[in-house]
Protein backbone atom coordinates (compact mmCIF):
# COMPACT_ATOMS: atom_id res chain seq x y z
CA MET A 1 0.00 0.06 0.13
CA ASN A 2 1.98 3.36 -0.93
CA THR A 3 1.21 6.60 0.94
CA SER A 4 -1.46 8.12 -1.42
CA GLU A 5 -3.71 5.09 -0.81
CA ARG A 6 -3.19 5.13 2.92
CA GLU A 7 -4.08 8.57 3.38
CA GLU A 8 -7.11 8.02 1.46
CA GLN A 9 -7.86 5.03 3.49
CA TYR A 10 -7.19 7.26 6.72
CA THR A 11 -9.59 10.03 4.87
CA VAL A 12 -12.43 7.47 4.67
CA ILE A 13 -11.83 6.27 8.52
CA ARG A 14 -11.69 9.90 9.94
CA LYS A 15 -15.05 10.53 7.92
CA ASP A 16 -16.80 7.77 9.10
CA TYR A 17 -15.42 7.97 12.81
CA MET A 18 -16.83 11.71 12.54
CA LYS A 19 -20.33 10.77 11.42
CA VAL A 20 -20.27 7.90 14.33
CA VAL A 21 -19.50 10.77 17.13
CA GLU A 22 -22.15 13.01 15.59
CA GLU A 23 -24.66 9.98 15.52
CA SER A 24 -23.74 9.06 18.96
CA LYS A 25 -24.18 12.71 20.11
CA GLU A 26 -27.52 12.69 18.68
CA LYS A 27 -28.77 9.68 20.45
CA ILE A 28 -27.57 11.34 23.68
CA GLN A 29 -29.60 14.23 23.03
CA ILE A 30 -32.57 12.31 22.16
CA ALA A 31 -32.17 10.03 25.29
CA GLU A 32 -31.79 13.46 27.44
CA GLU A 33 -35.31 14.62 25.76
CA SER A 34 -37.12 11.66 26.35
CA TYR A 35 -35.98 11.18 30.12
CA GLY A 36 -37.26 15.14 30.04
CA LEU A 37 -40.42 13.85 28.79
CA VAL A 38 -40.94 10.59 31.34
CA ASP A 39 -39.83 12.73 34.31
CA ARG A 40 -41.96 15.22 33.47
CA TYR A 41 -45.10 13.15 33.33
CA LEU A 42 -44.44 10.96 36.20
CA ARG A 43 -44.33 14.39 38.49
CA LYS A 44 -48.08 14.86 36.64
CA LEU A 45 -49.14 11.41 37.45
CA ASP A 46 -47.89 12.07 41.08
CA GLN A 47 -49.52 15.53 41.46
CA GLU A 48 -53.03 13.96 40.16
CA LEU A 49 -52.54 10.78 42.16
CA HIS A 50 -52.05 12.77 45.16
CA LYS A 51 -55.35 15.02 44.21
CA PHE A 52 -57.18 11.55 43.88
CA GLN A 53 -55.93 10.59 47.26
CA LEU A 54 -57.36 13.71 48.83
CA GLU A 55 -60.71 13.05 47.16
CA LEU A 56 -60.88 9.74 48.19
CA GLU A 57 -59.76 10.77 52.04
CA ALA A 58 -62.75 13.49 51.82
CA ASP A 59 -65.28 11.21 51.07
CA ASN A 60 -64.05 8.27 53.29
CA ARG A 61 -61.77 8.86 55.52
CA GLY A 62 -58.60 5.94 55.73
CA ILE A 63 -59.82 4.39 52.45
CA THR A 64 -56.34 5.19 50.76
CA GLU A 65 -54.67 2.99 53.48
CA ILE A 66 -56.77 0.10 53.06
CA LEU A 67 -56.54 0.25 49.45
CA GLU A 68 -52.91 0.55 49.29
CA LYS A 69 -52.54 -2.28 51.98
CA ARG A 70 -54.87 -4.52 49.23
CA SER A 71 -52.94 -3.60 46.23
CA LEU A 72 -49.38 -4.64 48.20
CA GLU A 73 -51.05 -7.98 48.98
CA LEU A 74 -52.32 -8.62 45.59
CA ASP A 75 -48.93 -7.52 44.34
CA ALA A 76 -47.11 -10.11 47.04
CA PRO A 77 -45.59 -13.02 44.76
CA ALA A 78 -47.14 -15.31 47.82
CA SER A 79 -50.79 -14.25 47.22
CA ARG A 80 -50.13 -15.67 43.73
CA PRO A 81 -50.42 -19.76 43.22
CA SER A 82 -49.51 -19.23 40.24
CA SER A 83 -47.30 -17.36 38.03
CA PHE A 84 -49.83 -16.97 35.35
CA LEU A 85 -52.42 -14.85 37.70
CA LYS A 86 -52.38 -11.37 37.50
CA GLU A 87 -54.46 -9.03 39.70
CA ASN A 88 -56.45 -11.73 41.34
CA ARG A 89 -57.51 -13.05 37.73
CA ALA A 90 -57.24 -16.22 36.03
CA PRO A 91 -55.63 -15.85 32.52
CA LYS A 92 -57.15 -15.66 29.21
CA LYS A 93 -58.02 -18.66 27.50
CA LEU A 94 -56.47 -18.95 24.29
CA LYS A 95 -58.89 -19.52 21.03
CA ILE A 96 -57.81 -22.83 19.53
CA GLN A 97 -58.32 -22.96 15.86
CA PRO A 98 -59.69 -26.49 14.74
CA HIS A 99 -57.93 -27.89 12.33
CA HIS A 100 -59.54 -28.82 8.93
CA THR A 101 -58.69 -31.82 8.01
CA THR A 102 -59.83 -33.67 4.52
CA ILE A 103 -60.10 -36.90 4.14
CA ALA A 104 -59.76 -38.33 0.69
CA HIS A 105 -62.67 -40.93 0.04
CA GLY A 106 -62.56 -43.23 -3.17
CA GLY A 107 -65.53 -42.45 -4.75
CA GLY A 108 -69.19 -42.67 -3.40
CA MET A 109 -70.56 -45.22 -1.12
CA GLU A 110 -71.10 -48.17 -3.18
CA ARG A 111 -72.93 -51.56 -1.95
């Protein structure tokens, strides 16, 4: 390999490297924006949840504690005898498609 070929190959590698660096910076920016969005929505959901708890407590004193305890009991692995049960419900039954088989008959019924 002569000097000009090496320089040409170096230029190509350098160009690809710069492209990769630029794309990685773009990915980092997208990830940071996504993190910010998720964080903002989580905060909003927390605020809405707090408002909802206050409304529940206004109507039924102590109800949120009871509901939280019940939720934790349902989420505990010991309360689920099977790993297929979720939220105290049995799993959905799968619809089984009947197999269509054809049997070749050798003509009609002959007597």
